[in-house]
Amino acid sequence: MKDKVLTFSEDDIFSDKEFKLVVALVKRGFETDVIEAARSVGTRGAILMQAKGVSKIQQKFLGFSVNPENTVVMIVVKDELVVPTMKAIYSVVDFKSEARGLVFALPISLVAGIDETFDRVPIV
C-alpha cells in the first residue's frame, strides 16, 4: 500500500483571524466555574491542566507545609471576546475569592485546526 502524503499551503492551515489565549489559574475544583463563565459570553471549549504552585510564601497546616493544587484553564478566544471572557471569569473566581483566581491573555500569532464553525456562537 502506497503512503498518501497530504500537502497544504499555509493559507489552508493557518487562520488569519485574530485570536488570544485566555488563561485562568484557579484552585482545583473551580475549573467548572471558569468554563461556565466563559461560555456565558459565547466562548467555546477549554483545555484543563493540573498544576502545583510554587511560592516564597509557605502555607502551613498543623505544622506541615501545604502546596495548593491548581488547575490551568486555557481557552482560545476571538479578539472581540477577550475582554468579556476575562471579565466573566474574574467575576466568579477573583483572587480574593476561595478560588484564588488569576486571569490573563496572551497573543497568538497563528492558529491551525480551527475551522469556520469556530465563528458560530453556540446556543447556551
PDB file of N, CA and C in Angstrom:
ATOM      1  N   MET A   1       0.841  -1.173   0.000  1.00  0.00           N
ATOM      2  CA  MET A   1       0.000   0.000   0.000  1.00  0.00           C
ATOM      3  C   MET A   1       0.885   1.234   0.000  1.00  0.00           C
ATOM      4  N   LYS A   2       0.592   2.150  -0.856  1.00  0.00           N
ATOM      5  CA  LYS A   2       1.391   3.358  -1.000  1.00  0.00           C
ATOM      6  C   LYS A   2       0.986   4.397   0.055  1.00  0.00           C
ATOM      7  N   ASP A   3       1.995   5.032   0.695  1.00  0.00           N
ATOM      8  CA  ASP A   3       1.703   6.085   1.669  1.00  0.00           C
ATOM      9  C   ASP A   3       1.131   7.295   0.965  1.00  0.00           C
ATOM     10  N   LYS A   4       0.059   7.822   1.534  1.00  0.00           N
ATOM     11  CA  LYS A   4      -0.571   9.003   0.970  1.00  0.00           C
ATOM     12  C   LYS A   4      -0.013  10.228   1.697  1.00  0.00           C
ATOM     13  N   VAL A   5       0.502  11.169   0.952  1.00  0.00           N
ATOM     14  CA  VAL A   5       1.069  12.378   1.529  1.00  0.00           C
ATOM     15  C   VAL A   5       0.121  13.535   1.239  1.00  0.00           C
ATOM     16  N   LEU A   6      -0.312  14.179   2.309  1.00  0.00           N
ATOM     17  CA  LEU A   6      -1.179  15.342   2.157  1.00  0.00           C
ATOM     18  C   LEU A   6      -0.329  16.595   2.140  1.00  0.00           C
ATOM     19  N   THR A   7      -0.620  17.477   1.235  1.00  0.00           N
ATOM     20  CA  THR A   7       0.115  18.731   1.189  1.00  0.00           C
ATOM     21  C   THR A   7      -0.861  19.888   1.365  1.00  0.00           C
ATOM     22  N   PHE A   8      -0.433  20.863   2.122  1.00  0.00           N
ATOM     23  CA  PHE A   8      -1.241  22.039   2.389  1.00  0.00           C
ATOM     24  C   PHE A   8      -0.397  23.277   2.193  1.00  0.00           C
ATOM     25  N   SER A   9      -1.033  24.339   1.777  1.00  0.00           N
ATOM     26  CA  SER A   9      -0.339  25.620   1.777  1.00  0.00           C
ATOM     27  C   SER A   9      -0.614  26.276   3.124  1.00  0.00           C
ATOM     28  N   GLU A  10       0.156  27.285   3.478  1.00  0.00           N
ATOM     29  CA  GLU A  10      -0.073  27.991   4.745  1.00  0.00           C
ATOM     30  C   GLU A  10      -1.472  28.567   4.810  1.00  0.00           C
ATOM     31  N   ASP A  11      -2.026  28.998   3.675  1.00  0.00           N
ATOM     32  CA  ASP A  11      -3.378  29.562   3.654  1.00  0.00           C
ATOM     33  C   ASP A  11      -4.429  28.519   4.018  1.00  0.00           C
ATOM     34  N   ASP A  12      -4.165  27.249   3.725  1.00  0.00           N
ATOM     35  CA  ASP A  12      -5.106  26.188   4.053  1.00  0.00           C
ATOM     36  C   ASP A  12      -5.091  25.842   5.540  1.00  0.00           C
ATOM     37  N   ILE A  13      -3.952  26.017   6.191  1.00  0.00           N
ATOM     38  CA  ILE A  13      -3.788  25.565   7.565  1.00  0.00           C
ATOM     39  C   ILE A  13      -4.016  26.672   8.591  1.00  0.00           C
ATOM     40  N   PHE A  14      -3.403  27.819   8.385  1.00  0.00           N
ATOM     41  CA  PHE A  14      -3.398  28.854   9.410  1.00  0.00           C
ATOM     42  C   PHE A  14      -4.529  29.848   9.215  1.00  0.00           C
ATOM     43  N   SER A  15      -5.216  30.126  10.312  1.00  0.00           N
ATOM     44  CA  SER A  15      -6.306  31.095  10.274  1.00  0.00           C
ATOM     45  C   SER A  15      -5.727  32.503  10.281  1.00  0.00           C
ATOM     46  N   ASP A  16      -6.337  33.394   9.515  1.00  0.00           N
ATOM     47  CA  ASP A  16      -5.873  34.780   9.507  1.00  0.00           C
ATOM     48  C   ASP A  16      -6.667  35.647  10.474  1.00  0.00           C
ATOM     49  N   LYS A  17      -7.574  35.039  11.214  1.00  0.00           N
ATOM     50  CA  LYS A  17      -8.355  35.789  12.198  1.00  0.00           C
ATOM     51  C   LYS A  17      -7.485  36.058  13.429  1.00  0.00           C
ATOM     52  N   GLU A  18      -7.896  37.046  14.202  1.00  0.00           N
ATOM     53  CA  GLU A  18      -7.148  37.413  15.403  1.00  0.00           C
ATOM     54  C   GLU A  18      -7.675  36.631  16.606  1.00  0.00           C
ATOM     55  N   PHE A  19      -6.780  35.936  17.300  1.00  0.00           N
ATOM     56  CA  PHE A  19      -7.132  35.165  18.482  1.00  0.00           C
ATOM     57  C   PHE A  19      -6.175  35.506  19.620  1.00  0.00           C
ATOM     58  N   LYS A  20      -6.634  35.226  20.841  1.00  0.00           N
ATOM     59  CA  LYS A  20      -5.772  35.311  22.016  1.00  0.00           C
ATOM     60  C   LYS A  20      -6.022  34.059  22.842  1.00  0.00           C
ATOM     61  N   LEU A  21      -5.062  33.740  23.680  1.00  0.00           N
ATOM     62  CA  LEU A  21      -5.204  32.627  24.596  1.00  0.00           C
ATOM     63  C   LEU A  21      -5.516  33.200  25.973  1.00  0.00           C
ATOM     64  N   VAL A  22      -6.725  32.952  26.456  1.00  0.00           N
ATOM     65  CA  VAL A  22      -7.104  33.376  27.799  1.00  0.00           C
ATOM     66  C   VAL A  22      -6.737  32.243  28.741  1.00  0.00           C
ATOM     67  N   VAL A  23      -5.975  32.580  29.777  1.00  0.00           N
ATOM     68  CA  VAL A  23      -5.501  31.592  30.743  1.00  0.00           C
ATOM     69  C   VAL A  23      -6.023  31.967  32.116  1.00  0.00           C
ATOM     70  N   ALA A  24      -6.658  31.013  32.763  1.00  0.00           N
ATOM     71  CA  ALA A  24      -7.130  31.219  34.136  1.00  0.00           C
ATOM     72  C   ALA A  24      -6.457  30.190  35.033  1.00  0.00           C
ATOM     73  N   LEU A  25      -5.897  30.651  36.127  1.00  0.00           N
ATOM     74  CA  LEU A  25      -5.301  29.773  37.128  1.00  0.00           C
ATOM     75  C   LEU A  25      -6.203  29.835  38.350  1.00  0.00           C
ATOM     76  N   VAL A  26      -6.743  28.685  38.745  1.00  0.00           N
ATOM     77  CA  VAL A  26      -7.657  28.644  39.885  1.00  0.00           C
ATOM     78  C   VAL A  26      -7.361  27.437  40.756  1.00  0.00           C
ATOM     79  N   LYS A  27      -7.813  27.520  41.994  1.00  0.00           N
ATOM     80  CA  LYS A  27      -7.690  26.393  42.899  1.00  0.00           C
ATOM     81  C   LYS A  27      -8.483  25.221  42.331  1.00  0.00           C
ATOM     82  N   ARG A  28      -7.940  24.028  42.459  1.00  0.00           N
ATOM     83  CA  ARG A  28      -8.606  22.830  41.934  1.00  0.00           C
ATOM     84  C   ARG A  28     -10.034  22.758  42.477  1.00  0.00           C
ATOM     85  N   GLY A  29     -10.956  22.429  41.570  1.00  0.00           N
ATOM     86  CA  GLY A  29     -12.357  22.338  41.941  1.00  0.00           C
ATOM     87  C   GLY A  29     -13.188  23.501  41.417  1.00  0.00           C
ATOM     88  N   PHE A  30     -12.512  24.574  40.961  1.00  0.00           N
ATOM     89  CA  PHE A  30     -13.215  25.756  40.461  1.00  0.00           C
ATOM     90  C   PHE A  30     -13.164  25.874  38.938  1.00  0.00           C
ATOM     91  N   GLU A  31     -12.605  24.863  38.263  1.00  0.00           N
ATOM     92  CA  GLU A  31     -12.477  24.938  36.804  1.00  0.00           C
ATOM     93  C   GLU A  31     -13.835  24.977  36.102  1.00  0.00           C
ATOM     94  N   THR A  32     -14.840  24.311  36.653  1.00  0.00           N
ATOM     95  CA  THR A  32     -16.178  24.338  36.057  1.00  0.00           C
ATOM     96  C   THR A  32     -16.751  25.750  36.096  1.00  0.00           C
ATOM     97  N   ASP A  33     -16.490  26.481  37.171  1.00  0.00           N
ATOM     98  CA  ASP A  33     -16.949  27.870  37.271  1.00  0.00           C
ATOM     99  C   ASP A  33     -16.328  28.721  36.165  1.00  0.00           C
ATOM    100  N   VAL A  34     -15.045  28.498  35.889  1.00  0.00           N
ATOM    101  CA  VAL A  34     -14.349  29.234  34.835  1.00  0.00           C
ATOM    102  C   VAL A  34     -14.982  28.936  33.474  1.00  0.00           C
ATOM    103  N   ILE A  35     -15.185  27.662  33.183  1.00  0.00           N
ATOM    104  CA  ILE A  35     -15.736  27.261  31.886  1.00  0.00           C
ATOM    105  C   ILE A  35     -17.151  27.798  31.707  1.00  0.00           C
ATOM    106  N   GLU A  36     -17.982  27.709  32.732  1.00  0.00           N
ATOM    107  CA  GLU A  36     -19.352  28.219  32.634  1.00  0.00           C
ATOM    108  C   GLU A  36     -19.371  29.727  32.433  1.00  0.00           C
ATOM    109  N   ALA A  37     -18.492  30.451  33.116  1.00  0.00           N
ATOM    110  CA  ALA A  37     -18.413  31.909  32.955  1.00  0.00           C
ATOM    111  C   ALA A  37     -17.999  32.260  31.534  1.00  0.00           C
ATOM    112  N   ALA A  38     -17.020  31.550  30.992  1.00  0.00           N
ATOM    113  CA  ALA A  38     -16.559  31.814  29.628  1.00  0.00           C
ATOM    114  C   ALA A  38     -17.666  31.507  28.618  1.00  0.00           C
ATOM    115  N   ARG A  39     -18.380  30.431  28.819  1.00  0.00           N
ATOM    116  CA  ARG A  39     -19.486  30.081  27.911  1.00  0.00           C
ATOM    117  C   ARG A  39     -20.599  31.121  27.943  1.00  0.00           C
ATOM    118  N   SER A  40     -20.786  31.758  29.091  1.00  0.00           N
ATOM    119  CA  SER A  40     -21.874  32.735  29.222  1.00  0.00           C
ATOM    120  C   SER A  40     -21.705  33.937  28.291  1.00  0.00           C
ATOM    121  N   VAL A  41     -20.487  34.182  27.816  1.00  0.00           N
ATOM    122  CA  VAL A  41     -20.258  35.295  26.883  1.00  0.00           C
ATOM    123  C   VAL A  41     -19.974  34.810  25.463  1.00  0.00           C
ATOM    124  N   GLY A  42     -20.121  33.498  25.215  1.00  0.00           N
ATOM    125  CA  GLY A  42     -20.021  32.990  23.854  1.00  0.00           C
ATOM    126  C   GLY A  42     -18.756  32.264  23.481  1.00  0.00           C
ATOM    127  N   THR A  43     -17.860  32.002  24.423  1.00  0.00           N
ATOM    128  CA  THR A  43     -16.655  31.241  24.081  1.00  0.00           C
ATOM    129  C   THR A  43     -16.973  29.753  24.162  1.00  0.00           C
ATOM    130  N   ARG A  44     -16.122  28.943  23.501  1.00  0.00           N
ATOM    131  CA  ARG A  44     -16.347  27.504  23.468  1.00  0.00           C
ATOM    132  C   ARG A  44     -15.042  26.776  23.728  1.00  0.00           C
ATOM    133  N   GLY A  45     -15.152  25.639  24.355  1.00  0.00           N
ATOM    134  CA  GLY A  45     -14.010  24.764  24.533  1.00  0.00           C
ATOM    135  C   GLY A  45     -12.991  25.278  25.532  1.00  0.00           C
ATOM    136  N   ALA A  46     -12.212  24.383  26.061  1.00  0.00           N
ATOM    137  CA  ALA A  46     -11.161  24.743  27.011  1.00  0.00           C
ATOM    138  C   ALA A  46     -10.214  23.558  27.156  1.00  0.00           C
ATOM    139  N   ILE A  47      -9.019  23.868  27.576  1.00  0.00           N
ATOM    140  CA  ILE A  47      -8.036  22.840  27.900  1.00  0.00           C
ATOM    141  C   ILE A  47      -7.742  22.979  29.384  1.00  0.00           C
ATOM    142  N   LEU A  48      -7.807  21.873  30.113  1.00  0.00           N
ATOM    143  CA  LEU A  48      -7.536  21.885  31.548  1.00  0.00           C
ATOM    144  C   LEU A  48      -6.231  21.150  31.821  1.00  0.00           C
ATOM    145  N   MET A  49      -5.391  21.752  32.650  1.00  0.00           N
ATOM    146  CA  MET A  49      -4.144  21.102  33.069  1.00  0.00           C
ATOM    147  C   MET A  49      -4.029  21.241  34.582  1.00  0.00           C
ATOM    148  N   GLN A  50      -3.641  20.175  35.221  1.00  0.00           N
ATOM    149  CA  GLN A  50      -3.430  20.225  36.661  1.00  0.00           C
ATOM    150  C   GLN A  50      -2.040  20.800  36.920  1.00  0.00           C
ATOM    151  N   ALA A  51      -1.930  21.628  37.955  1.00  0.00           N
ATOM    152  CA  ALA A  51      -0.660  22.289  38.250  1.00  0.00           C
ATOM    153  C   ALA A  51      -0.461  22.382  39.757  1.00  0.00           C
ATOM    154  N   LYS A  52       0.778  22.563  40.144  1.00  0.00           N
ATOM    155  CA  LYS A  52       1.107  22.774  41.547  1.00  0.00           C
ATOM    156  C   LYS A  52       1.875  24.075  41.651  1.00  0.00           C
ATOM    157  N   GLY A  53       1.416  24.979  42.493  1.00  0.00           N
ATOM    158  CA  GLY A  53       2.041  26.289  42.618  1.00  0.00           C
ATOM    159  C   GLY A  53       3.322  26.262  43.442  1.00  0.00           C
ATOM    160  N   VAL A  54       4.206  27.202  43.139  1.00  0.00           N
ATOM    161  CA  VAL A  54       5.446  27.381  43.891  1.00  0.00           C
ATOM    162  C   VAL A  54       5.498  28.841  44.298  1.00  0.00           C
ATOM    163  N   SER A  55       5.719  29.086  45.581  1.00  0.00           N
ATOM    164  CA  SER A  55       5.713  30.460  46.071  1.00  0.00           C
ATOM    165  C   SER A  55       6.696  30.590  47.216  1.00  0.00           C
ATOM    166  N   LYS A  56       7.172  31.815  47.429  1.00  0.00           N
ATOM    167  CA  LYS A  56       8.043  32.082  48.580  1.00  0.00           C
ATOM    168  C   LYS A  56       7.250  32.002  49.880  1.00  0.00           C
ATOM    169  N   ILE A  57       5.940  32.253  49.775  1.00  0.00           N
ATOM    170  CA  ILE A  57       5.080  32.222  50.951  1.00  0.00           C
ATOM    171  C   ILE A  57       4.665  30.776  51.208  1.00  0.00           C
ATOM    172  N   GLN A  58       5.067  30.240  52.329  1.00  0.00           N
ATOM    173  CA  GLN A  58       4.718  28.871  52.681  1.00  0.00           C
ATOM    174  C   GLN A  58       3.424  28.881  53.496  1.00  0.00           C
ATOM    175  N   GLN A  59       2.435  28.107  53.064  1.00  0.00           N
ATOM    176  CA  GLN A  59       1.232  27.946  53.852  1.00  0.00           C
ATOM    177  C   GLN A  59       1.420  26.720  54.724  1.00  0.00           C
ATOM    178  N   LYS A  60       0.980  26.809  55.971  1.00  0.00           N
ATOM    179  CA  LYS A  60       1.163  25.684  56.894  1.00  0.00           C
ATOM    180  C   LYS A  60      -0.184  25.254  57.459  1.00  0.00           C
ATOM    181  N   PHE A  61      -0.310  23.956  57.663  1.00  0.00           N
ATOM    182  CA  PHE A  61      -1.491  23.381  58.281  1.00  0.00           C
ATOM    183  C   PHE A  61      -1.006  22.336  59.264  1.00  0.00           C
ATOM    184  N   LEU A  62      -1.270  22.536  60.545  1.00  0.00           N
ATOM    185  CA  LEU A  62      -0.805  21.638  61.609  1.00  0.00           C
ATOM    186  C   LEU A  62       0.703  21.402  61.542  1.00  0.00           C
ATOM    187  N   GLY A  63       1.442  22.467  61.180  1.00  0.00           N
ATOM    188  CA  GLY A  63       2.892  22.383  61.137  1.00  0.00           C
ATOM    189  C   GLY A  63       3.469  21.833  59.846  1.00  0.00           C
ATOM    190  N   PHE A  64       2.641  21.383  58.927  1.00  0.00           N
ATOM    191  CA  PHE A  64       3.109  20.856  57.651  1.00  0.00           C
ATOM    192  C   PHE A  64       2.966  21.913  56.567  1.00  0.00           C
ATOM    193  N   SER A  65       3.942  21.947  55.645  1.00  0.00           N
ATOM    194  CA  SER A  65       3.845  22.842  54.503  1.00  0.00           C
ATOM    195  C   SER A  65       2.797  22.314  53.531  1.00  0.00           C
ATOM    196  N   VAL A  66       1.985  23.230  53.018  1.00  0.00           N
ATOM    197  CA  VAL A  66       0.930  22.845  52.079  1.00  0.00           C
ATOM    198  C   VAL A  66       1.178  23.556  50.756  1.00  0.00           C
ATOM    199  N   ASN A  67       1.266  22.807  49.655  1.00  0.00           N
ATOM    200  CA  ASN A  67       1.352  23.382  48.318  1.00  0.00           C
ATOM    201  C   ASN A  67      -0.012  23.229  47.673  1.00  0.00           C
ATOM    202  N   PRO A  68      -0.705  24.349  47.438  1.00  0.00           N
ATOM    203  CA  PRO A  68      -2.039  24.238  46.861  1.00  0.00           C
ATOM    204  C   PRO A  68      -1.980  23.671  45.443  1.00  0.00           C
ATOM    205  N   GLU A  69      -2.940  22.820  45.130  1.00  0.00           N
ATOM    206  CA  GLU A  69      -3.034  22.277  43.786  1.00  0.00           C
ATOM    207  C   GLU A  69      -4.002  23.141  42.996  1.00  0.00           C
ATOM    208  N   ASN A  70      -3.623  23.451  41.769  1.00  0.00           N
ATOM    209  CA  ASN A  70      -4.390  24.368  40.934  1.00  0.00           C
ATOM    210  C   ASN A  70      -4.749  23.709  39.616  1.00  0.00           C
ATOM    211  N   THR A  71      -5.654  24.368  38.914  1.00  0.00           N
ATOM    212  CA  THR A  71      -5.997  23.978  37.560  1.00  0.00           C
ATOM    213  C   THR A  71      -5.722  25.160  36.649  1.00  0.00           C
ATOM    214  N   VAL A  72      -5.095  24.887  35.516  1.00  0.00           N
ATOM    215  CA  VAL A  72      -4.870  25.898  34.491  1.00  0.00           C
ATOM    216  C   VAL A  72      -5.923  25.656  33.416  1.00  0.00           C
ATOM    217  N   VAL A  73      -6.744  26.683  33.157  1.00  0.00           N
ATOM    218  CA  VAL A  73      -7.773  26.594  32.129  1.00  0.00           C
ATOM    219  C   VAL A  73      -7.322  27.482  30.979  1.00  0.00           C
ATOM    220  N   MET A  74      -7.174  26.905  29.786  1.00  0.00           N
ATOM    221  CA  MET A  74      -6.743  27.675  28.617  1.00  0.00           C
ATOM    222  C   MET A  74      -7.849  27.658  27.573  1.00  0.00           C
ATOM    223  N   ILE A  75      -8.175  28.854  27.057  1.00  0.00           N
ATOM    224  CA  ILE A  75      -9.257  28.981  26.086  1.00  0.00           C
ATOM    225  C   ILE A  75      -8.786  29.857  24.935  1.00  0.00           C
ATOM    226  N   VAL A  76      -8.883  29.364  23.697  1.00  0.00           N
ATOM    227  CA  VAL A  76      -8.583  30.168  22.510  1.00  0.00           C
ATOM    228  C   VAL A  76      -9.834  30.996  22.234  1.00  0.00           C
ATOM    229  N   VAL A  77      -9.645  32.324  22.177  1.00  0.00           N
ATOM    230  CA  VAL A  77     -10.775  33.253  22.093  1.00  0.00           C
ATOM    231  C   VAL A  77     -10.562  34.227  20.945  1.00  0.00           C
ATOM    232  N   LYS A  78     -11.643  34.497  20.202  1.00  0.00           N
ATOM    233  CA  LYS A  78     -11.567  35.534  19.177  1.00  0.00           C
ATOM    234  C   LYS A  78     -11.309  36.870  19.858  1.00  0.00           C
ATOM    235  N   ASP A  79     -10.582  37.752  19.194  1.00  0.00           N
ATOM    236  CA  ASP A  79     -10.174  39.031  19.761  1.00  0.00           C
ATOM    237  C   ASP A  79     -11.307  39.798  20.430  1.00  0.00           C
ATOM    238  N   GLU A  80     -12.458  39.863  19.758  1.00  0.00           N
ATOM    239  CA  GLU A  80     -13.549  40.679  20.300  1.00  0.00           C
ATOM    240  C   GLU A  80     -14.180  40.088  21.564  1.00  0.00           C
ATOM    241  N   LEU A  81     -13.869  38.829  21.889  1.00  0.00           N
ATOM    242  CA  LEU A  81     -14.422  38.206  23.097  1.00  0.00           C
ATOM    243  C   LEU A  81     -13.438  38.146  24.261  1.00  0.00           C
ATOM    244  N   VAL A  82     -12.220  38.641  24.060  1.00  0.00           N
ATOM    245  CA  VAL A  82     -11.200  38.524  25.104  1.00  0.00           C
ATOM    246  C   VAL A  82     -11.609  39.262  26.382  1.00  0.00           C
ATOM    247  N   VAL A  83     -11.927  40.533  26.294  1.00  0.00           N
ATOM    248  CA  VAL A  83     -12.263  41.308  27.493  1.00  0.00           C
ATOM    249  C   VAL A  83     -13.540  40.785  28.153  1.00  0.00           C
ATOM    250  N   PRO A  84     -14.641  40.547  27.391  1.00  0.00           N
ATOM    251  CA  PRO A  84     -15.823  39.986  28.053  1.00  0.00           C
ATOM    252  C   PRO A  84     -15.555  38.635  28.722  1.00  0.00           C
ATOM    253  N   THR A  85     -14.728  37.799  28.099  1.00  0.00           N
ATOM    254  CA  THR A  85     -14.402  36.496  28.680  1.00  0.00           C
ATOM    255  C   THR A  85     -13.623  36.666  29.975  1.00  0.00           C
ATOM    256  N   MET A  86     -12.622  37.524  29.963  1.00  0.00           N
ATOM    257  CA  MET A  86     -11.816  37.740  31.173  1.00  0.00           C
ATOM    258  C   MET A  86     -12.659  38.324  32.301  1.00  0.00           C
ATOM    259  N   LYS A  87     -13.527  39.286  31.976  1.00  0.00           N
ATOM    260  CA  LYS A  87     -14.401  39.882  32.997  1.00  0.00           C
ATOM    261  C   LYS A  87     -15.338  38.840  33.587  1.00  0.00           C
ATOM    262  N   ALA A  88     -15.927  38.009  32.731  1.00  0.00           N
ATOM    263  CA  ALA A  88     -16.857  36.981  33.206  1.00  0.00           C
ATOM    264  C   ALA A  88     -16.146  35.986  34.126  1.00  0.00           C
ATOM    265  N   ILE A  89     -14.960  35.549  33.720  1.00  0.00           N
ATOM    266  CA  ILE A  89     -14.203  34.602  34.535  1.00  0.00           C
ATOM    267  C   ILE A  89     -13.815  35.225  35.871  1.00  0.00           C
ATOM    268  N   TYR A  90     -13.248  36.424  35.819  1.00  0.00           N
ATOM    269  CA  TYR A  90     -12.755  37.043  37.047  1.00  0.00           C
ATOM    270  C   TYR A  90     -13.891  37.398  38.006  1.00  0.00           C
ATOM    271  N   SER A  91     -15.090  37.628  37.467  1.00  0.00           N
ATOM    272  CA  SER A  91     -16.222  37.956  38.344  1.00  0.00           C
ATOM    273  C   SER A  91     -16.617  36.771  39.229  1.00  0.00           C
ATOM    274  N   VAL A  92     -16.296  35.546  38.808  1.00  0.00           N
ATOM    275  CA  VAL A  92     -16.658  34.381  39.621  1.00  0.00           C
ATOM    276  C   VAL A  92     -15.482  33.731  40.343  1.00  0.00           C
ATOM    277  N   VAL A  93     -14.247  33.999  39.915  1.00  0.00           N
ATOM    278  CA  VAL A  93     -13.084  33.363  40.562  1.00  0.00           C
ATOM    279  C   VAL A  93     -11.964  34.373  40.824  1.00  0.00           C
ATOM    280  N   ASP A  94     -12.310  35.547  41.350  1.00  0.00           N
ATOM    281  CA  ASP A  94     -11.260  36.552  41.569  1.00  0.00           C
ATOM    282  C   ASP A  94     -10.282  36.114  42.656  1.00  0.00           C
ATOM    283  N   PHE A  95      -9.177  36.828  42.754  1.00  0.00           N
ATOM    284  CA  PHE A  95      -8.092  36.455  43.658  1.00  0.00           C
ATOM    285  C   PHE A  95      -8.518  36.471  45.120  1.00  0.00           C
ATOM    286  N   LYS A  96      -9.511  37.290  45.454  1.00  0.00           N
ATOM    287  CA  LYS A  96      -9.962  37.383  46.844  1.00  0.00           C
ATOM    288  C   LYS A  96     -11.001  36.320  47.184  1.00  0.00           C
ATOM    289  N   SER A  97     -11.469  35.581  46.192  1.00  0.00           N
ATOM    290  CA  SER A  97     -12.458  34.521  46.432  1.00  0.00           C
ATOM    291  C   SER A  97     -11.747  33.251  46.890  1.00  0.00           C
ATOM    292  N   GLU A  98     -12.537  32.251  47.225  1.00  0.00           N
ATOM    293  CA  GLU A  98     -11.970  30.965  47.628  1.00  0.00           C
ATOM    294  C   GLU A  98     -11.193  30.305  46.482  1.00  0.00           C
ATOM    295  N   ALA A  99     -11.559  30.644  45.234  1.00  0.00           N
ATOM    296  CA  ALA A  99     -10.882  30.070  44.060  1.00  0.00           C
ATOM    297  C   ALA A  99      -9.476  30.625  43.879  1.00  0.00           C
ATOM    298  N   ARG A 100      -9.207  31.791  44.452  1.00  0.00           N
ATOM    299  CA  ARG A 100      -7.889  32.443  44.338  1.00  0.00           C
ATOM    300  C   ARG A 100      -7.453  32.551  42.883  1.00  0.00           C
ATOM    301  N   GLY A 101      -8.377  33.030  42.024  1.00  0.00           N
ATOM    302  CA  GLY A 101      -8.159  33.035  40.586  1.00  0.00           C
ATOM    303  C   GLY A 101      -7.275  34.148  40.062  1.00  0.00           C
ATOM    304  N   LEU A 102      -6.606  33.845  38.982  1.00  0.00           N
ATOM    305  CA  LEU A 102      -5.779  34.787  38.236  1.00  0.00           C
ATOM    306  C   LEU A 102      -6.115  34.565  36.768  1.00  0.00           C
ATOM    307  N   VAL A 103      -6.375  35.641  36.024  1.00  0.00           N
ATOM    308  CA  VAL A 103      -6.739  35.527  34.614  1.00  0.00           C
ATOM    309  C   VAL A 103      -5.855  36.461  33.798  1.00  0.00           C
ATOM    310  N   PHE A 104      -5.320  35.954  32.671  1.00  0.00           N
ATOM    311  CA  PHE A 104      -4.548  36.810  31.768  1.00  0.00           C
ATOM    312  C   PHE A 104      -4.721  36.304  30.343  1.00  0.00           C
ATOM    313  N   ALA A 105      -4.328  37.124  29.381  1.00  0.00           N
ATOM    314  CA  ALA A 105      -4.444  36.753  27.968  1.00  0.00           C
ATOM    315  C   ALA A 105      -3.089  36.893  27.297  1.00  0.00           C
ATOM    316  N   LEU A 106      -2.812  36.014  26.364  1.00  0.00           N
ATOM    317  CA  LEU A 106      -1.573  36.033  25.587  1.00  0.00           C
ATOM    318  C   LEU A 106      -1.918  36.120  24.108  1.00  0.00           C
ATOM    319  N   PRO A 107      -1.127  36.862  23.332  1.00  0.00           N
ATOM    320  CA  PRO A 107      -1.385  36.917  21.894  1.00  0.00           C
ATOM    321  C   PRO A 107      -1.028  35.598  21.225  1.00  0.00           C
ATOM    322  N   ILE A 108      -1.741  35.290  20.168  1.00  0.00           N
ATOM    323  CA  ILE A 108      -1.455  34.104  19.360  1.00  0.00           C
ATOM    324  C   ILE A 108      -1.096  34.591  17.967  1.00  0.00           C
ATOM    325  N   SER A 109       0.051  34.171  17.452  1.00  0.00           N
ATOM    326  CA  SER A 109       0.479  34.597  16.118  1.00  0.00           C
ATOM    327  C   SER A 109      -0.278  33.871  15.018  1.00  0.00           C
ATOM    328  N   LEU A 110      -0.338  32.557  15.103  1.00  0.00           N
ATOM    329  CA  LEU A 110      -1.010  31.743  14.090  1.00  0.00           C
ATOM    330  C   LEU A 110      -1.801  30.646  14.777  1.00  0.00           C
ATOM    331  N   VAL A 111      -2.907  30.249  14.162  1.00  0.00           N
ATOM    332  CA  VAL A 111      -3.725  29.168  14.705  1.00  0.00           C
ATOM    333  C   VAL A 111      -3.979  28.156  13.603  1.00  0.00           C
ATOM    334  N   ALA A 112      -3.747  26.897  13.901  1.00  0.00           N
ATOM    335  CA  ALA A 112      -4.072  25.821  12.968  1.00  0.00           C
ATOM    336  C   ALA A 112      -5.093  24.918  13.648  1.00  0.00           C
ATOM    337  N   GLY A 113      -6.036  24.394  12.865  1.00  0.00           N
ATOM    338  CA  GLY A 113      -7.006  23.454  13.404  1.00  0.00           C
ATOM    339  C   GLY A 113      -8.343  24.047  13.767  1.00  0.00           C
ATOM    340  N   ILE A 114      -8.539  25.329  13.479  1.00  0.00           N
ATOM    341  CA  ILE A 114      -9.830  25.967  13.739  1.00  0.00           C
ATOM    342  C   ILE A 114     -10.529  26.140  12.403  1.00  0.00           C
ATOM    343  N   ASP A 115     -11.768  25.649  12.338  1.00  0.00           N
ATOM    344  CA  ASP A 115     -12.491  25.762  11.078  1.00  0.00           C
ATOM    345  C   ASP A 115     -13.557  26.850  11.158  1.00  0.00           C
ATOM    346  N   GLU A 116     -14.372  26.942  10.124  1.00  0.00           N
ATOM    347  CA  GLU A 116     -15.361  28.019  10.053  1.00  0.00           C
ATOM    348  C   GLU A 116     -16.421  27.919  11.147  1.00  0.00           C
ATOM    349  N   THR A 117     -16.610  26.755  11.764  1.00  0.00           N
ATOM    350  CA  THR A 117     -17.617  26.625  12.812  1.00  0.00           C
ATOM    351  C   THR A 117     -17.198  27.344  14.089  1.00  0.00           C
ATOM    352  N   PHE A 118     -15.913  27.694  14.213  1.00  0.00           N
ATOM    353  CA  PHE A 118     -15.446  28.408  15.394  1.00  0.00           C
ATOM    354  C   PHE A 118     -16.134  29.752  15.531  1.00  0.00           C
ATOM    355  N   ASP A 119     -16.532  30.358  14.394  1.00  0.00           N
ATOM    356  CA  ASP A 119     -17.161  31.666  14.425  1.00  0.00           C
ATOM    357  C   ASP A 119     -18.613  31.633  14.874  1.00  0.00           C
ATOM    358  N   ARG A 120     -19.215  30.474  14.859  1.00  0.00           N
ATOM    359  CA  ARG A 120     -20.630  30.398  15.242  1.00  0.00           C
ATOM    360  C   ARG A 120     -20.753  30.444  16.745  1.00  0.00           C
ATOM    361  N   VAL A 121     -21.641  31.300  17.228  1.00  0.00           N
ATOM    362  CA  VAL A 121     -21.875  31.391  18.665  1.00  0.00           C
ATOM    363  C   VAL A 121     -22.793  30.234  19.052  1.00  0.00           C
ATOM    364  N   PRO A 122     -22.388  29.425  20.039  1.00  0.00           N
ATOM    365  CA  PRO A 122     -23.213  28.287  20.408  1.00  0.00           C
ATOM    366  C   PRO A 122     -24.477  28.710  21.149  1.00  0.00           C
ATOM    367  N   ILE A 123     -25.504  27.908  21.072  1.00  0.00           N
ATOM    368  CA  ILE A 123     -26.722  28.164  21.845  1.00  0.00           C
ATOM    369  C   ILE A 123     -26.482  27.628  23.237  1.00  0.00           C
ATOM    370  N   VAL A 124     -26.583  28.507  24.220  1.00  0.00           N
ATOM    371  CA  VAL A 124     -26.295  28.111  25.607  1.00  0.00           C
ATOM    372  C   VAL A 124     -27.580  27.923  26.355  1.00  0.00           C
TER     373      VAL A 124
END
